N, C-alpha and C. Protein backbone atom coordinates (compact mmCIF):
# COMPACT_ATOMS: atom_id res chain seq x y z
N UNK A 1 0.54 -1.26 -0.33
CA UNK A 1 0.24 0.27 0.17
C UNK A 1 0.87 1.03 -0.13
N UNK A 2 0.49 2.24 -0.79
CA UNK A 2 1.17 3.81 -0.80
C UNK A 2 0.82 4.22 -0.33
N UNK A 3 1.97 5.12 1.49
CA UNK A 3 0.69 6.19 1.99
C UNK A 3 1.29 7.17 1.41
N UNK A 4 1.30 7.87 0.76
CA UNK A 4 2.05 9.06 1.03
C UNK A 4 1.13 9.66 0.59
N UNK A 5 0.01 9.93 0.25
CA UNK A 5 -1.31 10.53 0.63
C UNK A 5 -1.67 10.83 2.35
N UNK A 6 -2.36 9.42 2.65
CA UNK A 6 -1.83 9.73 3.80
C UNK A 6 -1.25 9.81 4.54
N UNK A 7 0.14 10.10 4.27
CA UNK A 7 0.45 9.87 5.47
C UNK A 7 0.33 12.33 5.39
N UNK A 8 -0.93 12.47 4.96
CA UNK A 8 -1.14 13.85 5.23
C UNK A 8 -1.76 14.17 5.56
N UNK A 9 -3.06 13.55 5.22
CA UNK A 9 -4.61 13.24 6.36
C UNK A 9 -4.68 13.02 7.76
N UNK A 10 -5.78 14.74 8.21
CA UNK A 10 -4.48 15.43 10.23
C UNK A 10 -5.25 14.05 10.58
N UNK A 11 -6.18 13.01 10.58
CA UNK A 11 -6.97 12.06 11.20
C UNK A 11 -6.20 10.82 10.85
N UNK A 12 -5.29 10.44 10.27
CA UNK A 12 -4.11 9.52 10.01
C UNK A 12 -3.18 8.99 11.46
N UNK A 13 -3.71 7.44 11.49
CA UNK A 13 -2.06 7.11 12.40
C UNK A 13 -1.92 6.24 12.12
N UNK A 14 -0.94 6.35 11.81
CA UNK A 14 -0.20 5.10 11.13
C UNK A 14 0.19 3.35 12.35
N UNK A 15 -0.29 2.64 12.28
CA UNK A 15 0.05 1.49 12.62
C UNK A 15 1.14 1.72 12.91
N UNK A 16 1.47 0.29 14.07
CA UNK A 16 2.64 0.80 15.02
C UNK A 16 3.60 -0.04 14.00
N UNK A 17 5.07 0.61 14.04
CA UNK A 17 5.99 -0.32 13.94
C UNK A 17 6.11 -1.44 13.63
N UNK A 18 5.52 -2.10 14.27
CA UNK A 18 6.40 -3.73 14.67
C UNK A 18 4.64 -4.38 13.50
N UNK A 19 3.98 -3.88 13.19
CA UNK A 19 3.18 -4.80 12.00
C UNK A 19 2.77 -3.93 10.75
N UNK A 20 4.00 -3.21 11.27
CA UNK A 20 4.43 -3.70 9.11
C UNK A 20 5.90 -3.97 9.12
N UNK A 21 5.79 -4.44 7.43
CA UNK A 21 7.07 -4.59 6.86
C UNK A 21 6.95 -3.19 5.73
N UNK A 22 8.64 -2.67 5.67
CA UNK A 22 8.36 -2.64 4.24
C UNK A 22 9.26 -3.20 2.95
N UNK A 23 8.51 -3.29 2.41
CA UNK A 23 9.24 -4.44 1.36
C UNK A 23 9.77 -2.81 -0.05
N UNK A 24 9.74 -1.72 -0.19
CA UNK A 24 9.93 -0.96 -0.83
C UNK A 24 9.71 0.06 -0.48
N UNK A 25 11.21 1.09 0.17
CA UNK A 25 11.22 2.64 -0.20
C UNK A 25 12.10 2.53 1.28
N UNK A 26 11.60 4.18 1.82
CA UNK A 26 11.93 4.48 3.21
C UNK A 26 11.66 4.06 4.91
N UNK A 27 12.21 3.84 5.44
CA UNK A 27 11.07 3.03 7.28
C UNK A 27 10.26 3.73 7.51
N UNK A 28 9.28 2.98 7.09
CA UNK A 28 7.85 2.96 7.95
C UNK A 28 7.79 4.35 9.01
N UNK A 29 6.99 5.35 9.21
CA UNK A 29 6.83 6.11 10.56
C UNK A 29 6.46 5.82 11.13
N UNK A 30 6.57 6.18 12.71
CA UNK A 30 5.97 5.88 13.40
C UNK A 30 4.76 7.47 13.71
N UNK A 31 4.31 6.91 14.50
CA UNK A 31 3.24 7.68 14.56
C UNK A 31 3.49 9.03 15.77
N UNK A 32 3.33 9.98 14.77
CA UNK A 32 3.30 11.01 15.73
C UNK A 32 2.85 11.27 17.65
N UNK A 33 3.83 11.18 18.51
CA UNK A 33 3.71 11.75 20.00
C UNK A 33 2.08 12.12 19.74
N UNK A 34 2.80 13.32 19.33
CA UNK A 34 1.20 14.43 19.54
C UNK A 34 -0.04 13.75 19.53
N UNK A 35 0.08 13.07 17.66
CA UNK A 35 -1.58 12.36 17.21
C UNK A 35 -2.00 11.44 18.26
N UNK A 36 -0.88 10.46 18.74
CA UNK A 36 -0.99 9.22 19.70
C UNK A 36 -1.92 10.31 21.41
N UNK A 37 -1.40 11.46 21.65
CA UNK A 37 -1.65 11.51 22.60
C UNK A 37 -3.96 11.63 22.43
N UNK A 38 -4.92 12.04 20.99
CA UNK A 38 -5.81 12.52 20.75
C UNK A 38 -6.44 10.53 20.09
N UNK A 39 -5.27 9.65 19.79
CA UNK A 39 -6.26 9.27 19.72
C UNK A 39 -6.84 8.29 20.09
N UNK A 40 -7.62 8.46 21.11
CA UNK A 40 -9.85 7.75 21.64
C UNK A 40 -10.40 8.80 20.90
N UNK A 41 -9.24 10.16 20.87
CA UNK A 41 -10.97 11.01 20.42
C UNK A 41 -10.98 10.68 18.57
N UNK A 42 -9.86 10.68 17.87
CA UNK A 42 -9.72 10.76 16.89
C UNK A 42 -10.90 9.04 16.23
N UNK A 43 -10.33 8.16 17.59
CA UNK A 43 -10.66 6.41 17.15
C UNK A 43 -12.69 6.51 17.62
N UNK A 44 -12.88 7.64 18.31
CA UNK A 44 -14.37 8.16 18.76
C UNK A 44 -15.21 8.97 17.59
N UNK A 45 -14.22 9.64 16.80
CA UNK A 45 -15.21 10.17 16.49
C UNK A 45 -15.55 8.83 14.70
N UNK A 46 -14.37 8.83 14.19
CA UNK A 46 -14.77 8.10 13.41
C UNK A 46 -15.85 6.62 13.65
N UNK A 47 -15.62 6.04 15.34
CA UNK A 47 -17.02 5.68 15.44
C UNK A 47 -18.12 6.29 14.70
N UNK A 48 -17.82 7.51 15.95
CA UNK A 48 -19.37 8.28 15.69
C UNK A 48 -20.13 8.21 14.44
N UNK A 49 -18.47 8.72 13.51
CA UNK A 49 -19.27 8.93 11.28
C UNK A 49 -20.24 7.89 11.13
N UNK A 50 -20.01 6.76 11.64
CA UNK A 50 -19.89 5.23 11.09
C UNK A 50 -22.37 5.97 11.10
N UNK A 51 -22.41 6.43 12.10
CA UNK A 51 -24.38 6.89 11.51
C UNK A 51 -24.46 7.65 10.54
N UNK A 52 -23.53 8.27 9.70
CA UNK A 52 -23.65 8.39 8.15
C UNK A 52 -23.93 7.26 7.81
N UNK A 53 -23.46 6.04 7.78
CA UNK A 53 -22.64 5.50 6.45
C UNK A 53 -24.57 4.56 7.17
N UNK A 54 -24.59 4.40 8.19
CA UNK A 54 -25.33 3.60 8.98
C UNK A 54 -26.86 4.15 7.84
N UNK A 55 -27.55 5.48 7.83
CA UNK A 55 -28.36 6.40 8.15
C UNK A 55 -28.40 5.85 6.36
N UNK A 56 -27.57 5.37 5.48
CA UNK A 56 -27.68 5.39 4.05
C UNK A 56 -27.35 3.70 4.20
N UNK A 57 -26.94 3.01 4.77
CA UNK A 57 -26.34 1.40 3.76
C UNK A 57 -28.29 1.29 3.52
N UNK A 58 -29.25 1.96 4.35
CA UNK A 58 -30.61 0.39 3.68
C UNK A 58 -30.91 0.70 1.63
N UNK A 59 -30.48 2.04 1.76
CA UNK A 59 -29.95 2.36 0.10
C UNK A 59 -29.67 0.74 -0.86
N UNK A 60 -28.53 0.69 0.21
CA UNK A 60 -27.14 0.14 -0.72
C UNK A 60 -27.34 -1.91 -0.76
N UNK A 61 -28.82 -1.55 0.34
CA UNK A 61 -29.35 -3.82 0.39
C UNK A 61 -30.76 -3.84 -0.44
N UNK A 62 -31.66 -2.85 -0.85
CA UNK A 62 -33.29 -2.57 -1.14
C UNK A 62 -33.65 -2.55 -2.19
N UNK A 63 -34.82 -3.29 -2.44
CA UNK A 63 -35.41 -4.33 -3.56
C UNK A 63 -33.29 -4.45 -4.45
N UNK A 64 -32.23 -5.45 -4.39
CA UNK A 64 -32.54 -6.26 -4.55
C UNK A 64 -31.93 -7.78 -4.87
N UNK A 65 -31.59 -8.05 -5.60
CA UNK A 65 -31.99 -9.75 -5.69
C UNK A 65 -31.34 -10.35 -4.68
N UNK A 66 -31.74 -11.19 -4.10
CA UNK A 66 -30.08 -11.75 -2.61
C UNK A 66 -28.95 -11.68 -3.63
N UNK A 67 -29.11 -12.53 -4.69
CA UNK A 67 -27.50 -12.56 -5.56
C UNK A 67 -26.67 -11.76 -5.26
N UNK A 68 -27.25 -10.50 -4.86
CA UNK A 68 -26.50 -9.07 -5.14
C UNK A 68 -26.23 -8.74 -3.42
N UNK A 69 -25.94 -8.98 -2.23
CA UNK A 69 -26.17 -9.63 -1.19
C UNK A 69 -24.66 -9.18 -0.63
N UNK A 70 -23.98 -9.94 -1.59
CA UNK A 70 -22.33 -9.85 -0.90
C UNK A 70 -21.58 -8.33 -1.87
N UNK A 71 -22.40 -7.50 -3.09
CA UNK A 71 -21.78 -6.30 -2.53
C UNK A 71 -22.02 -4.96 -1.41
N UNK A 72 -23.13 -6.13 -0.41
CA UNK A 72 -23.87 -4.42 0.52
C UNK A 72 -22.79 -5.19 1.45
N UNK A 73 -22.12 -6.63 1.64
CA UNK A 73 -20.92 -7.02 2.24
C UNK A 73 -19.73 -6.90 2.72
N UNK A 74 -19.61 -6.19 0.88
CA UNK A 74 -18.18 -5.23 0.39
C UNK A 74 -18.79 -3.27 1.37
N UNK A 75 -19.48 -3.23 1.48
CA UNK A 75 -19.82 -2.19 1.27
C UNK A 75 -19.78 -2.08 3.02
N UNK A 76 -20.21 -2.95 4.19
CA UNK A 76 -20.05 -3.01 5.12
C UNK A 76 -18.67 -3.47 6.27
N UNK A 77 -17.65 -4.44 5.06
CA UNK A 77 -17.04 -4.83 5.54
C UNK A 77 -15.65 -3.65 5.60
N UNK A 78 -15.54 -2.29 4.78
CA UNK A 78 -14.64 -1.45 5.29
C UNK A 78 -14.56 -0.69 6.31
N UNK A 79 -16.94 -1.26 6.57
CA UNK A 79 -17.01 0.15 8.37
C UNK A 79 -16.89 -1.37 9.24
N UNK A 80 -17.03 -1.89 9.45
CA UNK A 80 -16.97 -3.52 10.43
C UNK A 80 -15.67 -3.44 11.12
N UNK A 81 -14.56 -3.88 9.48
CA UNK A 81 -13.20 -4.20 10.70
C UNK A 81 -12.50 -2.97 11.34
N UNK A 82 -12.26 -1.71 11.53
CA UNK A 82 -11.61 -0.92 12.21
C UNK A 82 -12.64 -1.28 13.56
N UNK A 83 -13.77 -1.44 14.40
CA UNK A 83 -14.78 -1.39 14.48
C UNK A 83 -13.99 -1.59 16.79
N UNK A 84 -12.88 -2.87 16.49
CA UNK A 84 -13.46 -3.58 17.14
C UNK A 84 -11.59 -3.05 17.76
N UNK A 85 -11.40 -2.09 17.02
CA UNK A 85 -9.99 -1.52 17.62
C UNK A 85 -10.27 -0.32 18.18
N UNK A 86 -10.59 -0.17 17.82
CA UNK A 86 -11.35 1.83 17.38
C UNK A 86 -11.83 1.84 18.72
N UNK A 87 -12.62 0.12 19.51
CA UNK A 87 -13.34 0.27 20.69
C UNK A 87 -12.28 0.11 21.75
N UNK A 88 -12.07 -0.84 21.79
CA UNK A 88 -10.81 -1.23 22.20
C UNK A 88 -9.39 -0.06 22.86
N UNK A 89 -9.82 0.42 21.87
CA UNK A 89 -8.70 1.59 21.95
C UNK A 89 -9.88 3.26 22.36
N UNK A 90 -11.03 3.21 23.25
CA UNK A 90 -11.15 4.36 23.26
C UNK A 90 -12.43 4.06 23.98
N UNK A 91 -11.43 2.28 25.43
CA UNK A 91 -11.33 1.55 26.46
C UNK A 91 -10.37 1.87 27.16
N UNK A 92 -8.86 1.65 26.18
CA UNK A 92 -8.03 1.87 27.10
C UNK A 92 -6.35 0.79 26.43
N UNK A 93 -6.95 0.68 26.45
CA UNK A 93 -6.26 -0.18 25.12
C UNK A 93 -5.01 -0.44 24.53
N UNK A 94 -3.74 -0.24 24.47
CA UNK A 94 -2.69 0.58 24.54
C UNK A 94 -2.78 0.57 22.39
N UNK A 95 -2.82 2.16 21.74
CA UNK A 95 -2.42 1.80 20.52
C UNK A 95 -1.75 0.94 19.93
N UNK A 96 -0.62 0.42 20.42
CA UNK A 96 1.15 -0.38 19.78
C UNK A 96 0.16 -2.17 20.00
N UNK A 97 -0.90 -1.74 20.69
CA UNK A 97 -1.85 -3.35 21.21
C UNK A 97 -2.52 -3.30 20.17
N UNK A 98 -3.06 -2.21 20.53
CA UNK A 98 -4.66 -2.86 19.56
C UNK A 98 -4.52 -3.28 17.98
N UNK A 99 -3.94 -2.28 16.82
CA UNK A 99 -3.83 -2.35 16.37
C UNK A 99 -2.49 -3.60 15.32
N UNK A 100 -2.52 -3.61 16.65
CA UNK A 100 -1.31 -5.09 15.34
C UNK A 100 -1.91 -6.42 15.83
N UNK A 101 -3.30 -6.87 16.29
CA UNK A 101 -4.03 -7.43 17.40
C UNK A 101 -4.87 -8.29 15.87
N UNK A 102 -4.72 -9.87 15.78
CA UNK A 102 -5.81 -10.22 15.25
C UNK A 102 -7.80 -10.21 15.42
N UNK A 103 -7.94 -11.07 14.93
CA UNK A 103 -9.61 -10.89 15.16
C UNK A 103 -10.02 -11.28 16.01
N UNK A 104 -9.65 -12.51 16.43
CA UNK A 104 -9.16 -13.70 17.68
C UNK A 104 -9.51 -12.79 19.10
N UNK A 105 -7.88 -12.42 18.82
CA UNK A 105 -7.43 -11.13 19.82
C UNK A 105 -9.19 -10.53 20.62
N UNK A 106 -8.99 -9.08 19.51
CA UNK A 106 -10.01 -8.63 19.89
C UNK A 106 -10.81 -8.60 20.75
N UNK A 107 -11.30 -9.56 19.69
CA UNK A 107 -13.46 -10.79 20.31
C UNK A 107 -13.33 -10.79 21.82
N UNK A 108 -11.43 -11.30 22.28
CA UNK A 108 -11.27 -11.77 23.36
C UNK A 108 -11.34 -10.99 24.51
N UNK A 109 -10.92 -9.38 24.31
CA UNK A 109 -10.51 -8.97 24.51
C UNK A 109 -11.53 -7.50 24.95
N UNK A 110 -12.78 -7.02 23.92
CA UNK A 110 -14.22 -6.95 23.53
C UNK A 110 -14.88 -7.46 24.50
N UNK A 111 -14.34 -8.82 25.23
CA UNK A 111 -15.29 -9.49 25.54
C UNK A 111 -15.37 -8.86 27.22
N UNK A 112 -13.56 -9.41 27.57
CA UNK A 112 -12.79 -9.66 28.40
C UNK A 112 -13.72 -7.72 28.78
N UNK A 113 -13.27 -6.86 28.02
CA UNK A 113 -13.39 -5.20 29.12
C UNK A 113 -15.43 -4.79 28.98
N UNK A 114 -15.91 -5.63 28.85
CA UNK A 114 -17.17 -5.93 28.93
C UNK A 114 -18.24 -5.93 28.05
N UNK A 115 -17.46 -5.64 26.71
CA UNK A 115 -17.95 -5.42 25.42
C UNK A 115 -18.61 -7.12 25.07
N UNK A 116 -19.17 -7.91 25.94
CA UNK A 116 -19.86 -9.26 25.06
C UNK A 116 -20.62 -8.82 23.84
N UNK A 117 -22.05 -7.45 24.00
CA UNK A 117 -22.38 -8.14 23.13
C UNK A 117 -21.94 -7.38 21.17
N UNK A 118 -20.47 -6.30 21.21
CA UNK A 118 -20.08 -5.77 20.20
C UNK A 118 -20.00 -7.01 20.00
N UNK A 119 -18.72 -7.68 20.67
CA UNK A 119 -18.00 -8.86 20.53
C UNK A 119 -19.00 -10.31 19.95
N UNK A 120 -19.97 -10.00 20.14
CA UNK A 120 -20.49 -11.25 19.87
C UNK A 120 -21.49 -10.81 18.41
N UNK A 121 -21.40 -9.51 18.37
CA UNK A 121 -21.93 -8.97 16.62
C UNK A 121 -20.75 -9.33 15.50
N UNK A 122 -19.83 -9.24 16.25
CA UNK A 122 -18.44 -9.36 15.21
C UNK A 122 -18.08 -10.29 15.29
N UNK A 123 -18.30 -11.46 15.49
CA UNK A 123 -17.88 -12.97 16.16
C UNK A 123 -18.38 -13.01 15.03
N UNK A 124 -20.07 -12.43 15.17
CA UNK A 124 -21.15 -13.10 13.38
C UNK A 124 -21.29 -12.65 12.48
N UNK A 125 -20.62 -11.16 13.13
CA UNK A 125 -20.24 -10.55 11.24
C UNK A 125 -19.01 -11.88 10.67
N UNK A 126 -18.34 -11.94 10.98
CA UNK A 126 -17.72 -12.90 10.79
C UNK A 126 -17.82 -14.22 9.69
N UNK A 127 -18.29 -14.91 11.37
CA UNK A 127 -18.75 -16.12 10.68
C UNK A 127 -19.57 -16.75 9.29
N UNK A 128 -20.40 -15.26 9.70
CA UNK A 128 -22.18 -15.35 8.56
C UNK A 128 -21.19 -15.31 7.36
N UNK A 129 -20.55 -14.66 7.35
CA UNK A 129 -19.54 -13.72 5.77
C UNK A 129 -19.32 -15.35 5.43
N UNK A 130 -18.39 -15.47 5.85
CA UNK A 130 -17.72 -16.73 5.92
C UNK A 130 -18.24 -18.48 5.37
N UNK A 131 -19.54 -18.34 6.28
CA UNK A 131 -20.44 -19.68 5.42
C UNK A 131 -20.97 -19.18 4.41
N UNK A 132 -20.85 -17.77 4.51
CA UNK A 132 -22.49 -17.64 2.96
C UNK A 132 -21.31 -16.87 2.17
N UNK A 133 -19.83 -17.44 2.49
CA UNK A 133 -18.37 -17.50 0.50
C UNK A 133 -18.06 -17.78 0.74
N UNK A 134 -18.50 -19.84 1.45
CA UNK A 134 -18.23 -20.54 1.50
C UNK A 134 -19.10 -21.60 0.79
N UNK A 135 -20.66 -20.69 0.56
CA UNK A 135 -21.62 -21.54 0.14
C UNK A 135 -21.64 -20.72 -1.41
N UNK A 136 -20.29 -20.13 -1.88
CA UNK A 136 -20.17 -20.62 -3.07
C UNK A 136 -22.07 -18.91 -3.17
N UNK A 137 -22.28 -17.73 -1.95
CA UNK A 137 -23.10 -17.24 -2.77
C UNK A 137 -24.21 -17.63 -2.40
N UNK A 138 -24.80 -18.87 -2.31
CA UNK A 138 -25.87 -19.89 -2.11
C UNK A 138 -26.80 -19.67 -0.96
N UNK A 139 -26.51 -19.52 0.30
CA UNK A 139 -27.03 -19.70 1.67
C UNK A 139 -26.61 -17.63 1.05
N UNK A 140 -28.21 -16.83 1.34
CA UNK A 140 -28.85 -16.18 1.30
C UNK A 140 -29.09 -15.98 2.60
N UNK A 141 -29.22 -16.26 3.64
CA UNK A 141 -29.65 -16.53 5.22
C UNK A 141 -27.99 -16.48 5.94
N UNK A 142 -26.80 -16.59 5.65
CA UNK A 142 -25.50 -16.36 6.31
C UNK A 142 -25.85 -15.05 5.92
N UNK A 143 -26.31 -14.78 4.21
CA UNK A 143 -25.96 -13.20 4.12
C UNK A 143 -26.43 -12.62 4.38
N UNK A 144 -27.15 -12.69 5.01
CA UNK A 144 -28.14 -11.73 5.47
C UNK A 144 -28.02 -12.11 7.09
N UNK A 145 -27.86 -13.24 7.55
CA UNK A 145 -27.28 -12.75 9.17
C UNK A 145 -26.06 -11.65 9.23
N UNK A 146 -25.31 -11.75 8.16
CA UNK A 146 -23.60 -11.37 8.01
C UNK A 146 -24.34 -10.01 8.25
N UNK A 147 -24.98 -9.34 7.50
CA UNK A 147 -25.40 -8.00 7.43
C UNK A 147 -26.13 -7.37 8.42
N UNK A 148 -26.59 -8.33 9.21
CA UNK A 148 -27.50 -8.21 10.26
C UNK A 148 -26.42 -7.44 11.72
N UNK A 149 -25.59 -8.83 11.34
CA UNK A 149 -24.59 -8.42 12.42
C UNK A 149 -23.71 -8.06 12.61
N UNK A 150 -23.27 -7.29 10.81
CA UNK A 150 -23.07 -6.11 10.63
C UNK A 150 -23.06 -4.35 11.04
N UNK A 151 -24.51 -4.53 10.48
CA UNK A 151 -25.72 -3.27 11.29
C UNK A 151 -25.33 -3.10 13.25
N UNK A 152 -25.99 -4.55 13.19
CA UNK A 152 -25.82 -4.24 14.66
C UNK A 152 -24.33 -3.81 15.17
N UNK A 153 -23.11 -4.19 15.07
CA UNK A 153 -21.31 -3.66 14.97
C UNK A 153 -21.31 -2.09 14.98
N UNK A 154 -22.00 -1.81 14.02
CA UNK A 154 -22.06 0.01 13.44
C UNK A 154 -23.16 0.98 14.67
N UNK A 155 -23.61 -0.13 15.15
CA UNK A 155 -24.96 0.70 16.23
C UNK A 155 -24.12 0.37 17.77
N UNK A 156 -23.28 -0.71 17.12
CA UNK A 156 -23.35 -0.97 18.88
C UNK A 156 -21.52 -0.02 19.40
N UNK A 157 -21.00 0.16 18.46
CA UNK A 157 -20.07 0.88 18.28
C UNK A 157 -19.89 2.75 18.33
N UNK A 158 -20.87 2.54 17.41
CA UNK A 158 -20.83 3.71 17.68
C UNK A 158 -22.06 3.93 19.16
N UNK A 159 -22.95 3.91 19.25
CA UNK A 159 -23.57 3.90 21.17
C UNK A 159 -22.15 3.36 22.27
N UNK A 160 -21.58 2.81 21.24
CA UNK A 160 -20.00 3.55 22.76
C UNK A 160 -19.31 4.57 22.36
N UNK A 161 -18.67 4.62 21.18
CA UNK A 161 -18.44 6.73 21.68
C UNK A 161 -19.55 7.09 21.82
N UNK A 162 -19.99 7.43 21.65
CA UNK A 162 -21.21 7.85 22.52
C UNK A 162 -21.26 8.43 23.70
N UNK A 163 -21.23 7.06 24.45
CA UNK A 163 -21.13 6.47 26.08
C UNK A 163 -19.45 7.62 26.37
N UNK A 164 -18.96 7.76 25.36
CA UNK A 164 -17.58 7.89 26.49
C UNK A 164 -17.33 8.97 25.64
N UNK A 165 -18.09 9.88 24.55
CA UNK A 165 -18.04 11.49 24.10
C UNK A 165 -19.05 11.94 25.29
N UNK A 166 -20.10 11.25 25.69
CA UNK A 166 -20.87 11.47 27.01
C UNK A 166 -20.16 11.73 28.59
N UNK A 167 -19.41 10.57 29.01
CA UNK A 167 -18.42 10.73 29.85
C UNK A 167 -17.39 11.45 30.12
N UNK A 168 -16.80 12.74 29.52
CA UNK A 168 -15.79 13.17 29.67
C UNK A 168 -16.52 14.59 29.58
N UNK A 169 -17.89 15.05 29.34
CA UNK A 169 -18.58 16.33 30.39
C UNK A 169 -18.52 16.09 31.54
């Protein structure tokens, strides 16, 4: 992945150095210490911004035959994938840990931190999506379960972020 444009984004925080292997080019830049102080707020804002996507998401699925469910899942996956890490971040898990771990560890830490509902929905999204894939996209019930779980993940993440922000007031 070429990072040149991302590095100039105001709220972009590079992955921890230990999670990156540079194949070509200069050494990977570590995160700016100033931004690390703001990471919880950046993650919180990204979670809250998902609300806008969630409001528009029904337009991605309505009036589509079931064979097109995979397109809706593709639209969801980019929004679902970082939610576990973002929630763990605002719950206090160190940046260098949370952005370098796999989903199994993320789910375990979500459960440990009291976010069982999110952990369950997050897992269900991936398990149902996997079932849908393994069926060669024929098991539309699995596809629908993945979409519903994904919507619930978004709702959970938004709720957690709003609760966090209100606790700061």
